[in-house]
Protein backbone atom coordinates (compact mmCIF):
# COMPACT_ATOMS: atom_id res chain seq x y z
CA MET A 1 73.13 150.52 124.89
CA PRO A 2 74.50 153.62 126.63
CA GLU A 3 74.33 156.94 124.83
CA PRO A 4 77.50 157.27 122.75
CA GLU A 5 79.97 159.91 123.76
CA PRO A 6 81.09 162.65 121.37
CA ILE A 7 84.46 162.08 119.78
CA ARG A 8 85.71 165.49 120.76
CA PRO A 9 84.29 166.45 124.14
CA ASN A 10 84.62 170.05 125.17
CA ASP A 11 84.05 170.67 128.83
CA ASN A 12 85.45 174.21 128.80
CA LYS A 13 82.88 176.38 127.08
CA PRO A 14 84.15 179.31 125.05
CA LEU A 15 81.82 181.72 126.85
CA GLY A 16 83.38 180.74 130.19
CA ARG A 17 86.88 181.24 128.84
CA PHE A 18 85.88 184.63 127.45
CA SER A 19 84.49 185.72 130.82
CA LYS A 20 87.65 184.63 132.62
CA ASN A 21 89.90 186.48 130.17
CA THR A 22 87.82 189.63 130.44
CA ALA A 23 87.87 189.50 134.23
CA LEU A 24 91.65 188.97 134.20
CA ILE A 25 92.27 191.97 131.95
CA ALA A 26 89.91 194.18 133.96
CA GLY A 27 91.56 193.10 137.22
CA MET A 28 95.07 193.84 135.95
CA LEU A 29 93.95 197.25 134.68
CA LEU A 30 92.33 198.07 138.03
CA LEU A 31 95.47 197.07 139.93
CA PHE A 32 97.56 199.26 137.64
CA VAL A 33 95.32 202.27 138.21
CA MET A 34 95.30 201.75 141.98
CA ALA A 35 99.09 201.36 142.13
CA THR A 36 99.62 204.51 140.06
CA SER A 37 97.20 206.44 142.23
CA LEU A 38 98.99 205.32 145.39
CA ILE A 39 102.35 206.39 143.98
CA ARG A 40 101.04 209.78 142.98
CA ASN A 41 99.30 210.26 146.30
CA ASN A 42 102.40 209.74 148.44
CA ASP A 43 102.74 213.52 148.63
CA PRO A 44 99.38 214.81 147.49
CA ALA A 45 98.90 218.35 146.27
CA SER A 46 96.10 220.36 147.87
CA ALA A 47 93.81 222.70 146.03
CA VAL A 48 94.07 226.42 146.79
CA THR A 49 92.13 229.33 145.39
CA TYR A 50 93.61 231.84 142.98
CA THR A 51 93.24 234.53 145.65
CA GLU A 52 95.23 232.46 148.17
CA PHE A 53 97.89 231.81 145.54
CA ARG A 54 98.26 235.51 144.74
CA ALA A 55 98.47 236.33 148.44
CA GLU A 56 101.25 233.80 149.04
CA LEU A 57 103.04 234.99 145.90
CA SER A 58 103.02 238.56 147.12
CA ARG A 59 104.50 237.32 150.42
CA GLY A 60 107.30 235.60 148.52
CA ASN A 61 106.19 232.16 149.76
CA VAL A 62 105.92 230.51 146.33
CA HIS A 63 109.03 228.50 145.47
CA LYS A 64 108.21 226.68 142.24
CA VAL A 65 105.35 226.36 139.77
CA THR A 66 104.66 224.06 136.84
CA VAL A 67 102.21 225.44 134.31
CA SER A 68 100.04 223.23 132.08
CA ASN A 69 97.44 225.22 130.12
CA ARG A 70 95.24 226.72 132.87
CA GLU A 71 96.43 224.39 135.61
CA ILE A 72 99.28 225.23 137.99
CA ASP A 73 101.09 222.81 140.30
CA GLY A 74 103.55 224.30 142.73
CA GLU A 75 105.40 224.29 146.03
CA PHE A 76 105.42 226.80 148.88
CA ARG A 77 108.66 227.82 150.54
CA ALA A 78 107.02 227.52 153.94
CA PRO A 79 103.90 225.51 154.77
CA PHE A 80 100.66 227.36 154.18
CA SER A 81 97.97 226.87 156.80
CA LYS A 82 94.45 226.25 155.55
CA ALA A 83 91.61 224.64 157.49
CA ASP A 84 93.95 223.12 160.09
CA GLN A 85 96.08 221.70 157.27
CA GLU A 86 99.69 222.49 156.49
CA ILE A 87 100.03 222.70 152.71
CA THR A 88 103.41 222.38 151.00
CA ARG A 89 102.33 221.33 147.51
CA PHE A 90 99.36 223.03 145.89
CA GLN A 91 97.19 222.98 142.81
CA LEU A 92 94.91 225.58 141.28
CA ILE A 93 93.01 226.36 138.12
CA LEU A 94 93.57 229.80 136.61
CA PRO A 95 90.40 231.84 136.06
CA GLY A 96 91.68 232.73 132.57
CA GLU A 97 94.61 232.10 130.27
CA MET A 98 98.18 232.39 131.54
CA THR A 99 99.13 236.09 131.11
CA ASP A 100 102.45 237.82 130.74
CA GLY A 101 101.64 239.85 133.83
CA LEU A 102 101.44 236.74 135.99
CA ILE A 103 104.72 235.47 134.58
CA GLU A 104 106.37 238.83 135.38
CA ASP A 105 105.04 238.63 138.96
CA LEU A 106 106.44 235.10 139.30
CA GLU A 107 109.83 236.18 137.98
CA ALA A 108 109.85 239.16 140.31
CA GLU A 109 109.51 236.82 143.29
CA ASP A 110 112.30 234.51 142.00
CA VAL A 111 109.83 231.66 141.46
CA ILE A 112 111.13 228.71 139.45
CA ILE A 113 108.83 228.41 136.42
CA ASP A 114 108.37 225.21 134.46
CA ALA A 115 105.88 224.22 131.79
CA LYS A 116 104.51 220.93 130.47
CA THR A 117 101.89 219.73 128.09
CA SER A 118 98.56 218.80 129.58
CA GLN A 119 98.20 215.16 130.63
CA PRO A 120 94.89 213.40 130.06
CA SER A 121 93.01 212.21 133.12
CA TRP A 122 92.76 208.57 134.06
CA GLY A 123 89.17 208.57 132.91
CA GLN A 124 90.24 209.79 129.49
CA LEU A 125 93.04 207.24 129.36
CA LEU A 126 90.67 204.41 130.22
CA LEU A 127 88.14 205.61 127.68
CA SER A 128 90.74 205.77 124.92
CA ALA A 129 92.20 202.38 125.88
CA LEU A 130 88.82 200.62 126.09
CA PRO A 131 88.56 199.79 122.35
CA TRP A 132 92.05 198.29 122.38
CA LEU A 133 91.27 196.27 125.49
CA LEU A 134 88.11 194.91 123.88
CA PHE A 135 90.04 194.12 120.70
CA ILE A 136 92.74 192.23 122.65
CA ALA A 137 90.14 190.36 124.71
CA PHE A 138 88.31 189.35 121.54
CA TRP A 139 91.43 187.88 119.93
CA ILE A 140 92.37 186.08 123.13
CA TRP A 141 88.92 184.47 123.04
CA ILE A 142 89.37 183.59 119.35
CA PHE A 143 92.72 181.87 119.87
CA ARG A 144 91.59 180.07 123.03
CA THR A 145 88.52 178.82 121.20
CA MET A 146 90.58 177.53 118.29
CA GLN A 147 93.00 175.76 120.64
CA GLY A 148 90.24 174.29 122.80
CA GLY A 149 88.35 172.82 119.88
CA GLY A 150 85.03 173.13 121.30
CA ASN A 151 82.82 174.94 120.49
CA ARG A 152 81.47 176.73 118.62
CA ALA A 153 83.00 179.38 116.56
CA PHE A 154 85.19 177.73 113.94
CA GLN A 155 83.51 174.40 114.72
CA PHE A 156 81.02 174.37 111.85
CA GLY A 157 83.36 172.28 109.73
CA ARG A 158 84.01 169.68 112.42
CA SER A 159 82.34 166.32 112.14
CA LYS A 160 79.45 165.62 114.51
CA ALA A 161 80.25 161.93 114.57
CA LYS A 162 79.98 160.12 117.90
CA LEU A 163 82.56 157.54 118.81
CA ILE A 164 81.60 154.30 120.50
CA SER A 165 84.91 153.00 121.79
CA PRO A 166 85.75 149.33 122.45
CA ASP A 167 85.37 150.01 126.19
CA THR A 168 81.64 150.70 125.76
CA PRO A 169 79.38 147.70 126.51
CA LYS A 170 79.22 145.79 123.27
CA VAL A 171 76.36 144.91 120.99
CA THR A 172 77.06 141.55 119.33
CA PHE A 173 75.31 139.31 116.86
CA ALA A 174 73.77 137.51 119.84
CA ASP A 175 71.71 140.68 120.39
CA VAL A 176 70.45 140.63 116.79
CA ALA A 177 67.71 138.26 115.65
CA GLY A 178 65.69 137.97 112.49
CA ALA A 179 68.51 138.99 110.14
CA ASP A 180 70.50 135.79 109.70
CA GLU A 181 71.32 136.36 106.02
CA ALA A 182 72.57 139.89 106.68
CA LYS A 183 74.73 138.64 109.55
CA GLN A 184 76.33 136.03 107.31
CA GLU A 185 77.23 138.64 104.70
CA LEU A 186 78.73 140.89 107.37
CA GLU A 187 80.98 138.13 108.75
CA GLU A 188 83.62 138.93 106.13
CA ILE A 189 83.71 142.56 107.25
CA ILE A 190 84.31 141.37 110.80
CA GLU A 191 87.14 139.09 109.66
CA PHE A 192 88.78 141.99 107.87
CA LEU A 193 88.59 144.26 110.90
CA LYS A 194 90.05 141.55 113.11
CA ASP A 195 92.86 140.55 110.71
CA PRO A 196 93.29 142.87 107.69
CA SER A 197 96.51 141.16 106.57
CA LYS A 198 94.63 137.91 106.00
CA PHE A 199 93.04 139.44 102.90
CA SER A 200 95.67 141.93 101.76
CA ARG A 201 98.46 139.37 101.47
CA LEU A 202 96.41 137.47 98.88
CA GLY A 203 96.13 140.57 96.69
CA GLY A 204 92.44 141.09 97.30
CA ARG A 205 90.82 144.49 97.66
CA LEU A 206 88.52 144.71 100.59
CA PRO A 207 85.16 146.45 100.29
CA THR A 208 85.33 150.11 101.20
CA GLY A 209 81.61 150.49 101.73
CA VAL A 210 78.61 148.37 102.65
CA LEU A 211 75.08 149.68 102.20
CA LEU A 212 72.33 148.27 104.42
CA VAL A 213 68.99 148.57 102.67
CA GLY A 214 65.64 147.82 104.23
CA PRO A 215 62.38 149.18 105.60
CA PRO A 216 62.41 151.33 108.76
CA GLY A 217 62.83 149.47 112.04
CA THR A 218 64.40 146.30 110.65
CA GLY A 219 67.62 146.68 112.65
CA LYS A 220 70.08 148.25 110.21
CA THR A 221 71.69 150.46 112.86
CA LEU A 222 71.75 147.57 115.34
CA LEU A 223 73.53 145.40 112.77
CA ALA A 224 76.18 148.06 112.22
CA ARG A 225 76.81 148.31 115.97
CA ALA A 226 76.97 144.53 116.21
CA VAL A 227 79.67 144.45 113.52
CA ALA A 228 81.76 146.90 115.54
CA GLY A 229 81.10 144.91 118.73
CA GLU A 230 82.10 141.61 117.16
CA ALA A 231 85.28 143.07 115.71
CA GLY A 232 86.13 145.05 118.86
CA ARG A 233 86.96 148.16 116.84
CA PRO A 234 86.02 151.85 117.18
CA PHE A 235 82.65 152.74 115.74
CA PHE A 236 81.77 156.22 114.46
CA GLN A 237 78.07 156.99 114.19
CA MET A 238 76.58 159.93 112.32
CA SER A 239 73.32 160.82 110.64
CA GLY A 240 73.22 161.93 107.02
CA SER A 241 71.36 165.09 108.02
CA ASP A 242 74.27 166.13 110.27
CA PHE A 243 76.44 166.85 107.25
CA VAL A 244 74.35 169.57 105.66
CA GLU A 245 74.03 173.06 107.17
CA MET A 246 72.91 176.43 105.86
CA PHE A 247 76.56 177.49 105.46
CA VAL A 248 78.15 176.62 102.13
CA GLY A 249 81.10 174.23 102.40
CA VAL A 250 80.32 173.01 105.91
CA GLY A 251 79.06 169.60 104.79
CA ALA A 252 82.12 168.89 102.64
CA SER A 253 84.39 169.93 105.50
CA ARG A 254 82.57 167.59 107.88
CA VAL A 255 82.98 164.70 105.46
CA ARG A 256 86.73 165.27 105.29
CA ASP A 257 86.98 165.63 109.06
CA LEU A 258 84.99 162.42 109.58
CA PHE A 259 87.36 160.39 107.43
CA GLU A 260 90.38 162.01 109.09
CA GLN A 261 89.05 160.79 112.44
CA GLY A 262 88.53 157.36 110.92
CA LYS A 263 92.13 157.20 109.71
CA GLU A 264 93.36 158.09 113.19
CA HIS A 265 91.41 155.16 114.67
CA ALA A 266 91.87 152.67 111.82
CA PRO A 267 90.86 149.94 111.49
CA CYS A 268 87.39 151.20 112.34
CA ILE A 269 83.82 151.49 111.12
CA ILE A 270 82.11 154.71 110.04
CA PHE A 271 78.34 154.33 110.09
CA VAL A 272 76.16 156.92 108.34
CA ASP A 273 72.48 156.48 109.09
CA GLU A 274 69.88 157.73 106.59
CA ILE A 275 72.52 158.40 103.94
CA ASP A 276 69.78 159.37 101.49
CA ALA A 277 69.73 162.79 103.21
CA VAL A 278 73.07 163.58 101.59
CA GLY A 279 73.39 160.99 98.81
CA ARG A 280 70.46 161.87 96.56
CA HIS A 281 70.73 162.21 92.79
CA ARG A 282 72.74 165.25 91.77
CA GLY A 283 71.17 167.82 89.52
CA ALA A 284 67.70 167.34 90.95
CA GLY A 285 67.79 170.38 93.22
CA LEU A 286 67.28 174.05 92.39
CA GLY A 287 70.79 174.94 93.50
CA GLY A 288 72.50 173.14 90.63
CA GLY A 289 76.24 172.59 91.02
CA HIS A 290 76.39 175.10 93.86
CA ASP A 291 73.93 173.24 96.03
CA GLU A 292 75.42 172.55 99.46
CA ARG A 293 74.11 168.99 99.51
CA GLU A 294 75.73 168.23 96.17
CA GLN A 295 79.06 169.60 97.35
CA THR A 296 78.81 167.34 100.38
CA LEU A 297 78.06 164.34 98.17
CA ASN A 298 81.02 165.17 95.93
CA ALA A 299 83.31 165.25 98.96
CA LEU A 300 81.93 161.89 100.11
CA LEU A 301 82.56 160.35 96.67
CA VAL A 302 86.15 161.59 96.69
CA GLU A 303 86.82 160.28 100.19
CA MET A 304 85.41 156.85 99.36
CA ASP A 305 87.30 156.40 96.10
CA GLY A 306 89.72 159.24 95.43
CA PHE A 307 93.45 159.63 95.06
CA GLU A 308 93.98 159.04 98.77
CA THR A 309 93.21 155.61 100.15
CA ASN A 310 91.40 155.11 103.42
CA GLU A 311 92.89 151.78 104.40
CA GLY A 312 91.31 150.23 107.43
CA VAL A 313 88.24 152.48 107.28
CA ILE A 314 84.99 150.77 106.30
CA LEU A 315 81.93 152.87 105.60
CA LEU A 316 78.63 151.29 106.61
CA ALA A 317 75.53 153.19 105.60
CA ALA A 318 71.82 152.58 106.00
CA THR A 319 68.84 153.77 104.00
CA ASN A 320 65.25 152.85 103.31
CA ARG A 321 65.28 154.81 100.03
CA PRO A 322 67.95 153.23 97.80
CA ASP A 323 66.07 154.40 94.70
CA VAL A 324 66.96 158.07 95.34
CA LEU A 325 70.70 157.52 95.81
CA ASP A 326 73.14 158.83 93.22
CA PRO A 327 74.46 156.08 90.88
CA ALA A 328 78.04 157.25 91.43
CA LEU A 329 77.63 156.46 95.12
CA LEU A 330 76.38 152.94 94.48
CA ARG A 331 79.02 151.83 91.99
CA PRO A 332 81.67 149.20 92.91
CA GLY A 333 84.67 150.79 94.56
CA ARG A 334 82.47 152.87 96.81
CA PHE A 335 79.57 150.79 98.05
CA ASP A 336 80.77 147.40 96.86
CA ARG A 337 77.97 145.54 98.56
CA GLN A 338 74.32 146.15 99.23
CA ILE A 339 72.84 144.02 101.98
CA VAL A 340 69.07 143.83 102.16
CA VAL A 341 67.61 143.74 105.67
CA ASP A 342 63.99 142.71 105.25
CA ALA A 343 61.24 142.34 107.80
CA PRO A 344 61.81 139.13 109.80
CA ASP A 345 60.01 135.89 109.11
CA VAL A 346 58.12 134.00 111.80
CA LYS A 347 61.29 132.41 113.19
CA GLY A 348 63.05 135.76 113.21
CA ARG A 349 60.12 137.42 114.96
CA GLU A 350 60.19 134.78 117.66
CA GLY A 351 63.92 135.37 118.16
CA ILE A 352 63.39 139.11 118.43
CA LEU A 353 60.61 138.63 120.96
CA ARG A 354 62.83 136.37 123.07
CA ILE A 355 65.60 138.99 123.14
CA HIS A 356 63.24 141.75 124.29
CA ALA A 357 61.41 139.46 126.72
CA LYS A 358 64.59 138.62 128.65
CA LYS A 359 64.14 141.64 130.89
CA LEU A 360 60.39 141.11 131.34
CA PRO A 361 58.82 138.89 134.05
CA LEU A 362 56.72 136.72 131.73
CA SER A 363 53.83 134.57 132.87
CA ASP A 364 54.16 130.82 132.40
CA ASP A 365 51.31 130.76 129.87
CA VAL A 366 52.94 133.28 127.49
CA GLU A 367 53.85 131.62 124.19
CA LEU A 368 56.22 133.80 122.17
CA ALA A 369 55.95 131.48 119.16
CA LEU A 370 52.21 132.10 119.07
CA ILE A 371 52.74 135.87 119.23
CA ALA A 372 55.30 135.61 116.43
CA ARG A 373 52.81 133.81 114.20
CA GLY A 374 50.23 136.50 114.89
CA THR A 375 52.47 139.44 113.93
CA PRO A 376 53.25 138.96 110.22
CA GLY A 377 55.02 141.86 108.49
CA MET A 378 56.09 143.51 111.72
CA SER A 379 59.65 144.81 112.04
CA GLY A 380 61.98 144.49 115.00
CA ALA A 381 61.00 147.96 116.20
CA ASP A 382 57.33 147.00 116.10
CA LEU A 383 57.98 143.87 118.15
CA GLU A 384 60.03 145.81 120.68
CA ASN A 385 57.15 148.25 121.04
CA ILE A 386 54.73 145.36 121.66
CA CYS A 387 56.92 144.10 124.51
CA ASN A 388 57.17 147.58 125.96
CA GLU A 389 53.41 148.16 125.78
CA ALA A 390 52.82 144.81 127.47
CA ALA A 391 55.13 145.83 130.32
CA LEU A 392 53.37 149.20 130.67
CA HIS A 393 49.91 147.61 130.83
CA ALA A 394 50.90 144.71 133.08
């Protein structure tokens, strides 16, 4: 049986989306800075010393100045030669504060005087904008993650169920041996999944849950897959331990999400393996009513038999510890039926051996019936392991 695919695949990882968004914002910011620098540098101002400025001022060659704190930008009336360079626009830093004497000298030479507040440098602008850029990038990542559904922030409450669709190679009752009585009891479930109206028009209420009880390795999970394969319906598979996390409320949220997925694919089968991990007696733990596992169980009880009906959704569950399950979970209306899957008898063991021996090149003198008689009490998993060990040692 191929490995089942997750119901909600997420190929685009949130970390990758975050990196792309960050790179995009950084690239746009860099382009903006470069474009602004190019515009400002179309007619660049050259630095001159204060001595050179005073000399040109005394010659009457200064036309206009703009003062900003201790920085002066200005224009010469005629180009000023410096180091083989003709300077028209200039910049300088005053050695001290702007004095009234300098202003009087500028006015005496009919220099146009302007003033402006100091403008922060691009480095200062970038430094002040960096927190906002990080804040915007973070929220872009948050929203993209929520829209993408994958992973993993905000995904704690999503069900971890795996969907085996009808297109997946089927497991049928022909692949199951040694559980004839269990197969007969599950036939009605298959009939319901194939034709629900056949039962509903007669006024009957179909079972909402079926509990498979038996020792480990007797084929409970295989039986559940065979039911889905025979009916040709979607099959959700999840372990009971997948519901409970360290975060309070996550398990209950996953239960609700699991049944929502089931309603979307109805009629379908939801299979919970090892349900005793979440369905134990309430009140036995140290957490009392606030225990996360108990909240998860309460949500499961409500979904199975609450105010909202889950028509077309059948819950199959498996456990080898029915004695620890909560009585409210086992009552009619939730798990209407309990099907016991015992270890196979000699005929069942022979059937199981024949199924696993199909892919093995057996010798002509191998008698599977003899092996079946010599393996009393063994489960299907034990017999499969015997066949595998024989192939490894052949």
